[in-house]
């Protein structure tokens, strides 16, 4: 009986977790804009990384109420760099049924050929 209740509770909590969709870009920051925002510590060591913000998209497509959701590698400033780029971004509103929150992921790379990639 206890095993059944634990399994039921696990299924119920898993069903309550709604995945956060990736944002749908209208305008992404250019490679040049990302180069200007590149974290100084990471640039000096030629370290590539990425960051993801969790944001609401407002009525005009701008990210609002953002927090740093993840950053790789940690401690090199990629999350703060992405926060600086928010004014350079524009998005389509979330699709119906998706909820108000989206994830915004951007990569940073010291190699100019790889720096063009946006998630």
PDB file of N, CA and C in Angstrom:
ATOM      1  N   UNK A   1       0.832  -1.198   0.000  1.00  0.00           N
ATOM      2  CA  UNK A   1       0.000   0.000   0.000  1.00  0.00           C
ATOM      3  C   UNK A   1       0.873   1.257   0.000  1.00  0.00           C
ATOM      4  N   UNK A   2       1.911   1.258   0.851  1.00  0.00           N
ATOM      5  CA  UNK A   2       2.800   2.411   0.925  1.00  0.00           C
ATOM      6  C   UNK A   2       3.495   2.641  -0.415  1.00  0.00           C
ATOM      7  N   UNK A   3       3.935   1.559  -1.053  1.00  0.00           N
ATOM      8  CA  UNK A   3       4.593   1.681  -2.356  1.00  0.00           C
ATOM      9  C   UNK A   3       3.644   2.289  -3.382  1.00  0.00           C
ATOM     10  N   UNK A   4       2.376   1.893  -3.359  1.00  0.00           N
ATOM     11  CA  UNK A   4       1.378   2.433  -4.277  1.00  0.00           C
ATOM     12  C   UNK A   4       1.211   3.936  -4.059  1.00  0.00           C
ATOM     13  N   UNK A   5       1.119   4.356  -2.790  1.00  0.00           N
ATOM     14  CA  UNK A   5       0.942   5.779  -2.481  1.00  0.00           C
ATOM     15  C   UNK A   5       2.151   6.590  -2.917  1.00  0.00           C
ATOM     16  N   UNK A   6       3.359   6.067  -2.701  1.00  0.00           N
ATOM     17  CA  UNK A   6       4.565   6.774  -3.127  1.00  0.00           C
ATOM     18  C   UNK A   6       4.618   6.896  -4.646  1.00  0.00           C
ATOM     19  N   UNK A   7       4.264   5.822  -5.341  1.00  0.00           N
ATOM     20  CA  UNK A   7       4.246   5.868  -6.804  1.00  0.00           C
ATOM     21  C   UNK A   7       3.207   6.858  -7.305  1.00  0.00           C
ATOM     22  N   UNK A   8       2.028   6.895  -6.680  1.00  0.00           N
ATOM     23  CA  UNK A   8       0.977   7.840  -7.065  1.00  0.00           C
ATOM     24  C   UNK A   8       1.437   9.274  -6.832  1.00  0.00           C
ATOM     25  N   UNK A   9       2.082   9.534  -5.695  1.00  0.00           N
ATOM     26  CA  UNK A   9       2.569  10.883  -5.388  1.00  0.00           C
ATOM     27  C   UNK A   9       3.638  11.308  -6.389  1.00  0.00           C
ATOM     28  N   UNK A  10       4.521  10.386  -6.768  1.00  0.00           N
ATOM     29  CA  UNK A  10       5.561  10.715  -7.746  1.00  0.00           C
ATOM     30  C   UNK A  10       4.947  11.049  -9.103  1.00  0.00           C
ATOM     31  N   UNK A  11       3.943  10.286  -9.530  1.00  0.00           N
ATOM     32  CA  UNK A  11       3.271  10.568 -10.804  1.00  0.00           C
ATOM     33  C   UNK A  11       2.561  11.908 -10.761  1.00  0.00           C
ATOM     34  N   UNK A  12       1.904  12.216  -9.653  1.00  0.00           N
ATOM     35  CA  UNK A  12       1.165  13.476  -9.525  1.00  0.00           C
ATOM     36  C   UNK A  12       2.113  14.659  -9.576  1.00  0.00           C
ATOM     37  N   UNK A  13       3.250  14.579  -8.878  1.00  0.00           N
ATOM     38  CA  UNK A  13       4.176  15.714  -8.889  1.00  0.00           C
ATOM     39  C   UNK A  13       4.834  15.857 -10.251  1.00  0.00           C
ATOM     40  N   UNK A  14       5.125  14.748 -10.938  1.00  0.00           N
ATOM     41  CA  UNK A  14       5.709  14.832 -12.279  1.00  0.00           C
ATOM     42  C   UNK A  14       4.716  15.444 -13.259  1.00  0.00           C
ATOM     43  N   UNK A  15       3.425  15.163 -13.087  1.00  0.00           N
ATOM     44  CA  UNK A  15       2.411  15.713 -13.982  1.00  0.00           C
ATOM     45  C   UNK A  15       2.240  17.217 -13.773  1.00  0.00           C
ATOM     46  N   UNK A  16       2.549  17.726 -12.571  1.00  0.00           N
ATOM     47  CA  UNK A  16       2.400  19.141 -12.274  1.00  0.00           C
ATOM     48  C   UNK A  16       3.527  19.983 -12.873  1.00  0.00           C
ATOM     49  N   UNK A  17       4.634  19.367 -13.251  1.00  0.00           N
ATOM     50  CA  UNK A  17       5.785  20.098 -13.774  1.00  0.00           C
ATOM     51  C   UNK A  17       5.588  20.325 -15.270  1.00  0.00           C
ATOM     52  N   UNK A  18       5.455  21.574 -15.647  1.00  0.00           N
ATOM     53  CA  UNK A  18       5.290  21.932 -17.046  1.00  0.00           C
ATOM     54  C   UNK A  18       6.635  22.401 -17.578  1.00  0.00           C
ATOM     55  N   UNK A  19       7.138  21.807 -18.663  1.00  0.00           N
ATOM     56  CA  UNK A  19       8.422  22.266 -19.193  1.00  0.00           C
ATOM     57  C   UNK A  19       8.321  23.710 -19.675  1.00  0.00           C
ATOM     58  N   UNK A  20       9.394  24.432 -19.511  1.00  0.00           N
ATOM     59  CA  UNK A  20       9.446  25.831 -19.956  1.00  0.00           C
ATOM     60  C   UNK A  20       9.955  25.835 -21.390  1.00  0.00           C
ATOM     61  N   UNK A  21       9.182  26.386 -22.334  1.00  0.00           N
ATOM     62  CA  UNK A  21       9.616  26.352 -23.739  1.00  0.00           C
ATOM     63  C   UNK A  21      10.741  27.348 -24.017  1.00  0.00           C
ATOM     64  N   UNK A  22      11.507  27.070 -25.075  1.00  0.00           N
ATOM     65  CA  UNK A  22      12.497  28.018 -25.551  1.00  0.00           C
ATOM     66  C   UNK A  22      11.756  29.172 -26.232  1.00  0.00           C
ATOM     67  N   UNK A  23      12.297  30.366 -26.078  1.00  0.00           N
ATOM     68  CA  UNK A  23      11.697  31.545 -26.715  1.00  0.00           C
ATOM     69  C   UNK A  23      11.821  31.440 -28.231  1.00  0.00           C
ATOM     70  N   UNK A  24      10.865  32.066 -28.921  1.00  0.00           N
ATOM     71  CA  UNK A  24      10.887  32.097 -30.385  1.00  0.00           C
ATOM     72  C   UNK A  24      11.371  33.484 -30.811  1.00  0.00           C
ATOM     73  N   UNK A  25      12.554  33.519 -31.403  1.00  0.00           N
ATOM     74  CA  UNK A  25      13.232  34.768 -31.736  1.00  0.00           C
ATOM     75  C   UNK A  25      12.538  35.552 -32.839  1.00  0.00           C
ATOM     76  N   UNK A  26      12.485  36.878 -32.664  1.00  0.00           N
ATOM     77  CA  UNK A  26      12.210  37.826 -33.758  1.00  0.00           C
ATOM     78  C   UNK A  26      13.542  38.456 -34.141  1.00  0.00           C
ATOM     79  N   UNK A  27      14.291  38.864 -33.104  1.00  0.00           N
ATOM     80  CA  UNK A  27      15.611  39.458 -33.315  1.00  0.00           C
ATOM     81  C   UNK A  27      16.557  38.972 -32.225  1.00  0.00           C
ATOM     82  N   UNK A  28      17.627  38.328 -32.646  1.00  0.00           N
ATOM     83  CA  UNK A  28      18.661  37.853 -31.717  1.00  0.00           C
ATOM     84  C   UNK A  28      19.825  38.845 -31.717  1.00  0.00           C
ATOM     85  N   UNK A  29      20.580  38.909 -30.629  1.00  0.00           N
ATOM     86  CA  UNK A  29      21.759  39.780 -30.625  1.00  0.00           C
ATOM     87  C   UNK A  29      22.766  39.294 -31.675  1.00  0.00           C
ATOM     88  N   UNK A  30      23.348  40.227 -32.384  1.00  0.00           N
ATOM     89  CA  UNK A  30      24.314  39.886 -33.429  1.00  0.00           C
ATOM     90  C   UNK A  30      25.606  39.355 -32.804  1.00  0.00           C
ATOM     91  N   UNK A  31      26.436  38.761 -33.635  1.00  0.00           N
ATOM     92  CA  UNK A  31      27.745  38.294 -33.161  1.00  0.00           C
ATOM     93  C   UNK A  31      28.558  39.478 -32.622  1.00  0.00           C
ATOM     94  N   UNK A  32      28.440  40.618 -33.269  1.00  0.00           N
ATOM     95  CA  UNK A  32      29.153  41.818 -32.812  1.00  0.00           C
ATOM     96  C   UNK A  32      28.651  42.255 -31.431  1.00  0.00           C
ATOM     97  N   UNK A  33      27.335  42.277 -31.244  1.00  0.00           N
ATOM     98  CA  UNK A  33      26.766  42.673 -29.943  1.00  0.00           C
ATOM     99  C   UNK A  33      27.184  41.695 -28.848  1.00  0.00           C
ATOM    100  N   UNK A  34      27.208  40.391 -29.182  1.00  0.00           N
ATOM    101  CA  UNK A  34      27.647  39.400 -28.200  1.00  0.00           C
ATOM    102  C   UNK A  34      29.133  39.549 -27.895  1.00  0.00           C
ATOM    103  N   UNK A  35      29.917  39.913 -28.905  1.00  0.00           N
ATOM    104  CA  UNK A  35      31.351  40.131 -28.677  1.00  0.00           C
ATOM    105  C   UNK A  35      31.573  41.302 -27.719  1.00  0.00           C
ATOM    106  N   UNK A  36      30.769  42.362 -27.856  1.00  0.00           N
ATOM    107  CA  UNK A  36      30.900  43.512 -26.955  1.00  0.00           C
ATOM    108  C   UNK A  36      30.514  43.159 -25.515  1.00  0.00           C
ATOM    109  N   UNK A  37      29.574  42.220 -25.352  1.00  0.00           N
ATOM    110  CA  UNK A  37      29.106  41.822 -24.018  1.00  0.00           C
ATOM    111  C   UNK A  37      29.920  40.663 -23.433  1.00  0.00           C
ATOM    112  N   UNK A  38      30.838  40.100 -24.216  1.00  0.00           N
ATOM    113  CA  UNK A  38      31.593  38.917 -23.789  1.00  0.00           C
ATOM    114  C   UNK A  38      32.251  39.169 -22.429  1.00  0.00           C
ATOM    115  N   UNK A  39      32.108  38.252 -21.484  1.00  0.00           N
ATOM    116  CA  UNK A  39      32.696  38.454 -20.159  1.00  0.00           C
ATOM    117  C   UNK A  39      34.224  38.601 -20.242  1.00  0.00           C
ATOM    118  N   UNK A  40      34.756  39.597 -19.579  1.00  0.00           N
ATOM    119  CA  UNK A  40      36.181  39.910 -19.664  1.00  0.00           C
ATOM    120  C   UNK A  40      37.061  38.736 -19.223  1.00  0.00           C
ATOM    121  N   UNK A  41      36.712  38.103 -18.113  1.00  0.00           N
ATOM    122  CA  UNK A  41      37.495  36.971 -17.609  1.00  0.00           C
ATOM    123  C   UNK A  41      37.541  35.839 -18.629  1.00  0.00           C
ATOM    124  N   UNK A  42      36.396  35.510 -19.205  1.00  0.00           N
ATOM    125  CA  UNK A  42      36.332  34.426 -20.188  1.00  0.00           C
ATOM    126  C   UNK A  42      37.047  34.805 -21.476  1.00  0.00           C
ATOM    127  N   UNK A  43      36.931  36.048 -21.903  1.00  0.00           N
ATOM    128  CA  UNK A  43      37.589  36.494 -23.134  1.00  0.00           C
ATOM    129  C   UNK A  43      39.101  36.415 -22.990  1.00  0.00           C
ATOM    130  N   UNK A  44      39.605  36.837 -21.843  1.00  0.00           N
ATOM    131  CA  UNK A  44      41.050  36.803 -21.607  1.00  0.00           C
ATOM    132  C   UNK A  44      41.618  35.398 -21.645  1.00  0.00           C
ATOM    133  N   UNK A  45      40.812  34.438 -21.272  1.00  0.00           N
ATOM    134  CA  UNK A  45      41.252  33.029 -21.264  1.00  0.00           C
ATOM    135  C   UNK A  45      40.746  32.252 -22.483  1.00  0.00           C
ATOM    136  N   UNK A  46      40.043  32.944 -23.390  1.00  0.00           N
ATOM    137  CA  UNK A  46      39.465  32.333 -24.598  1.00  0.00           C
ATOM    138  C   UNK A  46      38.566  31.149 -24.239  1.00  0.00           C
ATOM    139  N   UNK A  47      37.691  31.363 -23.268  1.00  0.00           N
ATOM    140  CA  UNK A  47      36.756  30.343 -22.805  1.00  0.00           C
ATOM    141  C   UNK A  47      35.400  30.582 -23.462  1.00  0.00           C
ATOM    142  N   UNK A  48      34.848  29.539 -24.056  1.00  0.00           N
ATOM    143  CA  UNK A  48      33.497  29.589 -24.623  1.00  0.00           C
ATOM    144  C   UNK A  48      32.503  29.214 -23.534  1.00  0.00           C
ATOM    145  N   UNK A  49      31.266  29.666 -23.696  1.00  0.00           N
ATOM    146  CA  UNK A  49      30.240  29.319 -22.724  1.00  0.00           C
ATOM    147  C   UNK A  49      28.866  29.640 -23.260  1.00  0.00           C
ATOM    148  N   UNK A  50      27.893  29.411 -22.416  1.00  0.00           N
ATOM    149  CA  UNK A  50      26.522  29.767 -22.771  1.00  0.00           C
ATOM    150  C   UNK A  50      25.766  30.107 -21.503  1.00  0.00           C
ATOM    151  N   UNK A  51      24.665  30.800 -21.701  1.00  0.00           N
ATOM    152  CA  UNK A  51      23.797  31.155 -20.581  1.00  0.00           C
ATOM    153  C   UNK A  51      22.353  31.034 -21.037  1.00  0.00           C
ATOM    154  N   UNK A  52      21.494  30.778 -20.064  1.00  0.00           N
ATOM    155  CA  UNK A  52      20.060  30.713 -20.310  1.00  0.00           C
ATOM    156  C   UNK A  52      19.361  31.609 -19.300  1.00  0.00           C
ATOM    157  N   UNK A  53      18.474  32.460 -19.798  1.00  0.00           N
ATOM    158  CA  UNK A  53      17.636  33.289 -18.943  1.00  0.00           C
ATOM    159  C   UNK A  53      16.229  32.719 -18.916  1.00  0.00           C
ATOM    160  N   UNK A  54      15.556  32.894 -17.806  1.00  0.00           N
ATOM    161  CA  UNK A  54      14.127  32.586 -17.701  1.00  0.00           C
ATOM    162  C   UNK A  54      13.434  33.936 -17.633  1.00  0.00           C
ATOM    163  N   UNK A  55      12.551  34.206 -18.608  1.00  0.00           N
ATOM    164  CA  UNK A  55      11.922  35.520 -18.719  1.00  0.00           C
ATOM    165  C   UNK A  55      10.444  35.392 -19.079  1.00  0.00           C
ATOM    166  N   UNK A  56       9.723  36.461 -18.807  1.00  0.00           N
ATOM    167  CA  UNK A  56       8.392  36.654 -19.377  1.00  0.00           C
ATOM    168  C   UNK A  56       8.601  37.519 -20.619  1.00  0.00           C
ATOM    169  N   UNK A  57       7.800  37.282 -21.638  1.00  0.00           N
ATOM    170  CA  UNK A  57       7.858  38.123 -22.839  1.00  0.00           C
ATOM    171  C   UNK A  57       6.675  39.078 -22.767  1.00  0.00           C
ATOM    172  N   UNK A  58       6.964  40.388 -22.792  1.00  0.00           N
ATOM    173  CA  UNK A  58       5.880  41.368 -22.655  1.00  0.00           C
ATOM    174  C   UNK A  58       5.128  41.546 -23.977  1.00  0.00           C
ATOM    175  N   UNK A  59       4.149  42.435 -23.970  1.00  0.00           N
ATOM    176  CA  UNK A  59       3.259  42.622 -25.126  1.00  0.00           C
ATOM    177  C   UNK A  59       3.978  43.086 -26.391  1.00  0.00           C
ATOM    178  N   UNK A  60       5.122  43.737 -26.244  1.00  0.00           N
ATOM    179  CA  UNK A  60       5.842  44.208 -27.435  1.00  0.00           C
ATOM    180  C   UNK A  60       7.001  43.278 -27.811  1.00  0.00           C
ATOM    181  N   UNK A  61       7.091  42.117 -27.152  1.00  0.00           N
ATOM    182  CA  UNK A  61       8.099  41.124 -27.519  1.00  0.00           C
ATOM    183  C   UNK A  61       9.434  41.252 -26.811  1.00  0.00           C
ATOM    184  N   UNK A  62       9.494  42.099 -25.795  1.00  0.00           N
ATOM    185  CA  UNK A  62      10.746  42.267 -25.053  1.00  0.00           C
ATOM    186  C   UNK A  62      10.777  41.343 -23.837  1.00  0.00           C
ATOM    187  N   UNK A  63      11.966  40.846 -23.491  1.00  0.00           N
ATOM    188  CA  UNK A  63      12.070  40.022 -22.290  1.00  0.00           C
ATOM    189  C   UNK A  63      11.946  40.886 -21.040  1.00  0.00           C
ATOM    190  N   UNK A  64      11.195  40.388 -20.057  1.00  0.00           N
ATOM    191  CA  UNK A  64      10.978  41.127 -18.811  1.00  0.00           C
ATOM    192  C   UNK A  64      11.065  40.149 -17.639  1.00  0.00           C
ATOM    193  N   UNK A  65      11.325  40.689 -16.458  1.00  0.00           N
ATOM    194  CA  UNK A  65      11.390  39.897 -15.225  1.00  0.00           C
ATOM    195  C   UNK A  65      12.332  38.709 -15.386  1.00  0.00           C
ATOM    196  N   UNK A  66      13.491  38.948 -15.972  1.00  0.00           N
ATOM    197  CA  UNK A  66      14.440  37.869 -16.259  1.00  0.00           C
ATOM    198  C   UNK A  66      15.289  37.508 -15.051  1.00  0.00           C
ATOM    199  N   UNK A  67      15.616  36.233 -14.968  1.00  0.00           N
ATOM    200  CA  UNK A  67      16.601  35.736 -14.002  1.00  0.00           C
ATOM    201  C   UNK A  67      17.548  34.813 -14.758  1.00  0.00           C
ATOM    202  N   UNK A  68      18.753  34.673 -14.232  1.00  0.00           N
ATOM    203  CA  UNK A  68      19.705  33.741 -14.834  1.00  0.00           C
ATOM    204  C   UNK A  68      19.274  32.334 -14.447  1.00  0.00           C
ATOM    205  N   UNK A  69      18.930  31.536 -15.434  1.00  0.00           N
ATOM    206  CA  UNK A  69      18.426  30.180 -15.232  1.00  0.00           C
ATOM    207  C   UNK A  69      19.584  29.183 -15.162  1.00  0.00           C
ATOM    208  N   UNK A  70      20.580  29.351 -16.052  1.00  0.00           N
ATOM    209  CA  UNK A  70      21.765  28.500 -16.030  1.00  0.00           C
ATOM    210  C   UNK A  70      22.906  29.209 -16.740  1.00  0.00           C
ATOM    211  N   UNK A  71      24.106  28.722 -16.473  1.00  0.00           N
ATOM    212  CA  UNK A  71      25.316  29.327 -17.029  1.00  0.00           C
ATOM    213  C   UNK A  71      26.390  28.242 -17.060  1.00  0.00           C
ATOM    214  N   UNK A  72      27.071  28.106 -18.205  1.00  0.00           N
ATOM    215  CA  UNK A  72      28.132  27.119 -18.347  1.00  0.00           C
ATOM    216  C   UNK A  72      29.308  27.744 -19.079  1.00  0.00           C
ATOM    217  N   UNK A  73      30.514  27.660 -18.545  1.00  0.00           N
ATOM    218  CA  UNK A  73      30.857  27.213 -17.202  1.00  0.00           C
ATOM    219  C   UNK A  73      30.474  28.272 -16.169  1.00  0.00           C
ATOM    220  N   UNK A  74      30.188  27.824 -14.983  1.00  0.00           N
ATOM    221  CA  UNK A  74      29.787  28.742 -13.908  1.00  0.00           C
ATOM    222  C   UNK A  74      30.960  29.653 -13.508  1.00  0.00           C
ATOM    223  N   UNK A  75      30.609  30.841 -13.060  1.00  0.00           N
ATOM    224  CA  UNK A  75      31.610  31.756 -12.525  1.00  0.00           C
ATOM    225  C   UNK A  75      32.416  32.547 -13.528  1.00  0.00           C
ATOM    226  N   UNK A  76      32.046  32.486 -14.801  1.00  0.00           N
ATOM    227  CA  UNK A  76      32.793  33.238 -15.813  1.00  0.00           C
ATOM    228  C   UNK A  76      32.019  34.440 -16.348  1.00  0.00           C
ATOM    229  N   UNK A  77      30.810  34.680 -15.867  1.00  0.00           N
ATOM    230  CA  UNK A  77      30.067  35.880 -16.215  1.00  0.00           C
ATOM    231  C   UNK A  77      29.170  35.785 -17.430  1.00  0.00           C
ATOM    232  N   UNK A  78      28.912  34.582 -17.954  1.00  0.00           N
ATOM    233  CA  UNK A  78      28.075  34.473 -19.150  1.00  0.00           C
ATOM    234  C   UNK A  78      26.625  34.850 -18.875  1.00  0.00           C
ATOM    235  N   UNK A  79      26.133  34.552 -17.680  1.00  0.00           N
ATOM    236  CA  UNK A  79      24.765  34.937 -17.325  1.00  0.00           C
ATOM    237  C   UNK A  79      24.600  36.446 -17.279  1.00  0.00           C
ATOM    238  N   UNK A  80      25.546  37.126 -16.649  1.00  0.00           N
ATOM    239  CA  UNK A  80      25.493  38.592 -16.593  1.00  0.00           C
ATOM    240  C   UNK A  80      25.638  39.195 -17.988  1.00  0.00           C
ATOM    241  N   UNK A  81      26.474  38.590 -18.819  1.00  0.00           N
ATOM    242  CA  UNK A  81      26.634  39.091 -20.191  1.00  0.00           C
ATOM    243  C   UNK A  81      25.326  38.983 -20.963  1.00  0.00           C
ATOM    244  N   UNK A  82      24.628  37.871 -20.799  1.00  0.00           N
ATOM    245  CA  UNK A  82      23.347  37.707 -21.487  1.00  0.00           C
ATOM    246  C   UNK A  82      22.307  38.686 -20.946  1.00  0.00           C
ATOM    247  N   UNK A  83      22.322  38.948 -19.650  1.00  0.00           N
ATOM    248  CA  UNK A  83      21.394  39.944 -19.082  1.00  0.00           C
ATOM    249  C   UNK A  83      21.621  41.314 -19.727  1.00  0.00           C
ATOM    250  N   UNK A  84      22.878  41.661 -20.017  1.00  0.00           N
ATOM    251  CA  UNK A  84      23.190  42.952 -20.650  1.00  0.00           C
ATOM    252  C   UNK A  84      22.622  43.037 -22.068  1.00  0.00           C
ATOM    253  N   UNK A  85      22.413  41.895 -22.708  1.00  0.00           N
ATOM    254  CA  UNK A  85      21.956  41.874 -24.098  1.00  0.00           C
ATOM    255  C   UNK A  85      20.441  41.912 -24.252  1.00  0.00           C
ATOM    256  N   UNK A  86      19.698  41.953 -23.155  1.00  0.00           N
ATOM    257  CA  UNK A  86      18.228  41.901 -23.244  1.00  0.00           C
ATOM    258  C   UNK A  86      17.640  42.968 -24.151  1.00  0.00           C
ATOM    259  N   UNK A  87      18.205  44.164 -24.155  1.00  0.00           N
ATOM    260  CA  UNK A  87      17.639  45.238 -24.987  1.00  0.00           C
ATOM    261  C   UNK A  87      17.871  44.983 -26.486  1.00  0.00           C
ATOM    262  N   UNK A  88      18.731  44.047 -26.824  1.00  0.00           N
ATOM    263  CA  UNK A  88      19.013  43.719 -28.223  1.00  0.00           C
ATOM    264  C   UNK A  88      18.154  42.556 -28.725  1.00  0.00           C
ATOM    265  N   UNK A  89      17.233  42.072 -27.882  1.00  0.00           N
ATOM    266  CA  UNK A  89      16.440  40.888 -28.214  1.00  0.00           C
ATOM    267  C   UNK A  89      14.974  41.241 -28.424  1.00  0.00           C
ATOM    268  N   UNK A  90      14.346  40.480 -29.302  1.00  0.00           N
ATOM    269  CA  UNK A  90      12.912  40.602 -29.505  1.00  0.00           C
ATOM    270  C   UNK A  90      12.365  39.213 -29.805  1.00  0.00           C
ATOM    271  N   UNK A  91      11.137  38.936 -29.312  1.00  0.00           N
ATOM    272  CA  UNK A  91      10.571  37.596 -29.411  1.00  0.00           C
ATOM    273  C   UNK A  91       9.112  37.630 -29.820  1.00  0.00           C
ATOM    274  N   UNK A  92       8.666  36.505 -30.349  1.00  0.00           N
ATOM    275  CA  UNK A  92       7.238  36.268 -30.547  1.00  0.00           C
ATOM    276  C   UNK A  92       6.665  35.896 -29.186  1.00  0.00           C
ATOM    277  N   UNK A  93       5.408  36.231 -28.929  1.00  0.00           N
ATOM    278  CA  UNK A  93       4.812  35.846 -27.643  1.00  0.00           C
ATOM    279  C   UNK A  93       4.732  34.324 -27.538  1.00  0.00           C
ATOM    280  N   UNK A  94       4.695  33.796 -26.311  1.00  0.00           N
ATOM    281  CA  UNK A  94       4.545  32.340 -26.163  1.00  0.00           C
ATOM    282  C   UNK A  94       3.271  31.857 -26.846  1.00  0.00           C
ATOM    283  N   UNK A  95       3.327  30.650 -27.353  1.00  0.00           N
ATOM    284  CA  UNK A  95       2.155  30.052 -28.009  1.00  0.00           C
ATOM    285  C   UNK A  95       1.058  29.797 -26.979  1.00  0.00           C
ATOM    286  N   UNK A  96      -0.196  29.786 -27.411  1.00  0.00           N
ATOM    287  CA  UNK A  96      -1.289  29.514 -26.471  1.00  0.00           C
ATOM    288  C   UNK A  96      -1.056  28.192 -25.726  1.00  0.00           C
ATOM    289  N   UNK A  97      -1.304  28.237 -24.431  1.00  0.00           N
ATOM    290  CA  UNK A  97      -1.139  27.052 -23.606  1.00  0.00           C
ATOM    291  C   UNK A  97       0.268  26.831 -23.087  1.00  0.00           C
ATOM    292  N   UNK A  98       1.231  27.654 -23.510  1.00  0.00           N
ATOM    293  CA  UNK A  98       2.617  27.473 -23.070  1.00  0.00           C
ATOM    294  C   UNK A  98       2.896  28.133 -21.724  1.00  0.00           C
ATOM    295  N   UNK A  99       2.091  29.070 -21.296  1.00  0.00           N
ATOM    296  CA  UNK A  99       2.392  29.786 -20.065  1.00  0.00           C
ATOM    297  C   UNK A  99       3.225  31.019 -20.357  1.00  0.00           C
ATOM    298  N   UNK A 100       3.404  31.881 -19.355  1.00  0.00           N
ATOM    299  CA  UNK A 100       4.056  33.163 -19.588  1.00  0.00           C
ATOM    300  C   UNK A 100       5.580  33.115 -19.626  1.00  0.00           C
ATOM    301  N   UNK A 101       6.194  32.044 -19.140  1.00  0.00           N
ATOM    302  CA  UNK A 101       7.654  31.993 -19.029  1.00  0.00           C
ATOM    303  C   UNK A 101       8.282  31.281 -20.209  1.00  0.00           C
ATOM    304  N   UNK A 102       9.453  31.781 -20.634  1.00  0.00           N
ATOM    305  CA  UNK A 102      10.235  31.142 -21.688  1.00  0.00           C
ATOM    306  C   UNK A 102      11.702  31.118 -21.267  1.00  0.00           C
ATOM    307  N   UNK A 103      12.467  30.260 -21.930  1.00  0.00           N
ATOM    308  CA  UNK A 103      13.912  30.205 -21.731  1.00  0.00           C
ATOM    309  C   UNK A 103      14.589  30.824 -22.943  1.00  0.00           C
ATOM    310  N   UNK A 104      15.622  31.605 -22.693  1.00  0.00           N
ATOM    311  CA  UNK A 104      16.401  32.256 -23.743  1.00  0.00           C
ATOM    312  C   UNK A 104      17.836  31.792 -23.570  1.00  0.00           C
ATOM    313  N   UNK A 105      18.361  31.059 -24.554  1.00  0.00           N
ATOM    314  CA  UNK A 105      19.715  30.516 -24.473  1.00  0.00           C
ATOM    315  C   UNK A 105      20.568  31.115 -25.573  1.00  0.00           C
ATOM    316  N   UNK A 106      21.746  31.611 -25.183  1.00  0.00           N
ATOM    317  CA  UNK A 106      22.686  32.199 -26.136  1.00  0.00           C
ATOM    318  C   UNK A 106      24.080  31.668 -25.809  1.00  0.00           C
ATOM    319  N   UNK A 107      24.799  31.295 -26.861  1.00  0.00           N
ATOM    320  CA  UNK A 107      26.178  30.849 -26.705  1.00  0.00           C
ATOM    321  C   UNK A 107      27.158  31.980 -26.958  1.00  0.00           C
ATOM    322  N   UNK A 108      28.295  31.890 -26.315  1.00  0.00           N
ATOM    323  CA  UNK A 108      29.384  32.845 -26.492  1.00  0.00           C
ATOM    324  C   UNK A 108      30.632  32.033 -26.842  1.00  0.00           C
ATOM    325  N   UNK A 109      31.338  32.431 -27.887  1.00  0.00           N
ATOM    326  CA  UNK A 109      32.538  31.695 -28.278  1.00  0.00           C
ATOM    327  C   UNK A 109      33.590  32.679 -28.766  1.00  0.00           C
ATOM    328  N   UNK A 110      34.841  32.506 -28.337  1.00  0.00           N
ATOM    329  CA  UNK A 110      35.885  33.422 -28.799  1.00  0.00           C
ATOM    330  C   UNK A 110      36.247  33.230 -30.274  1.00  0.00           C
ATOM    331  N   UNK A 111      35.898  32.076 -30.860  1.00  0.00           N
ATOM    332  CA  UNK A 111      36.147  31.815 -32.271  1.00  0.00           C
ATOM    333  C   UNK A 111      35.050  32.509 -33.085  1.00  0.00           C
ATOM    334  N   UNK A 112      35.397  33.487 -33.916  1.00  0.00           N
ATOM    335  CA  UNK A 112      34.378  34.248 -34.649  1.00  0.00           C
ATOM    336  C   UNK A 112      33.467  33.375 -35.515  1.00  0.00           C
ATOM    337  N   UNK A 113      33.959  32.267 -36.051  1.00  0.00           N
ATOM    338  CA  UNK A 113      33.110  31.395 -36.873  1.00  0.00           C
ATOM    339  C   UNK A 113      32.032  30.711 -36.034  1.00  0.00           C
ATOM    340  N   UNK A 114      32.362  30.354 -34.801  1.00  0.00           N
ATOM    341  CA  UNK A 114      31.393  29.703 -33.916  1.00  0.00           C
ATOM    342  C   UNK A 114      30.516  30.714 -33.209  1.00  0.00           C
ATOM    343  N   UNK A 115      30.941  31.955 -33.151  1.00  0.00           N
ATOM    344  CA  UNK A 115      30.208  32.992 -32.415  1.00  0.00           C
ATOM    345  C   UNK A 115      28.876  33.345 -33.073  1.00  0.00           C
ATOM    346  N   UNK A 116      28.654  32.896 -34.289  1.00  0.00           N
ATOM    347  CA  UNK A 116      27.415  33.226 -34.997  1.00  0.00           C
ATOM    348  C   UNK A 116      26.236  32.381 -34.542  1.00  0.00           C
ATOM    349  N   UNK A 117      26.476  31.346 -33.747  1.00  0.00           N
ATOM    350  CA  UNK A 117      25.414  30.397 -33.389  1.00  0.00           C
ATOM    351  C   UNK A 117      24.531  30.928 -32.275  1.00  0.00           C
ATOM    352  N   UNK A 118      23.225  30.905 -32.510  1.00  0.00           N
ATOM    353  CA  UNK A 118      22.211  31.266 -31.513  1.00  0.00           C
ATOM    354  C   UNK A 118      21.309  30.054 -31.338  1.00  0.00           C
ATOM    355  N   UNK A 119      20.919  29.737 -30.135  1.00  0.00           N
ATOM    356  CA  UNK A 119      20.096  28.554 -29.854  1.00  0.00           C
ATOM    357  C   UNK A 119      18.639  28.829 -30.128  1.00  0.00           C
TER     358      UNK A 119
END
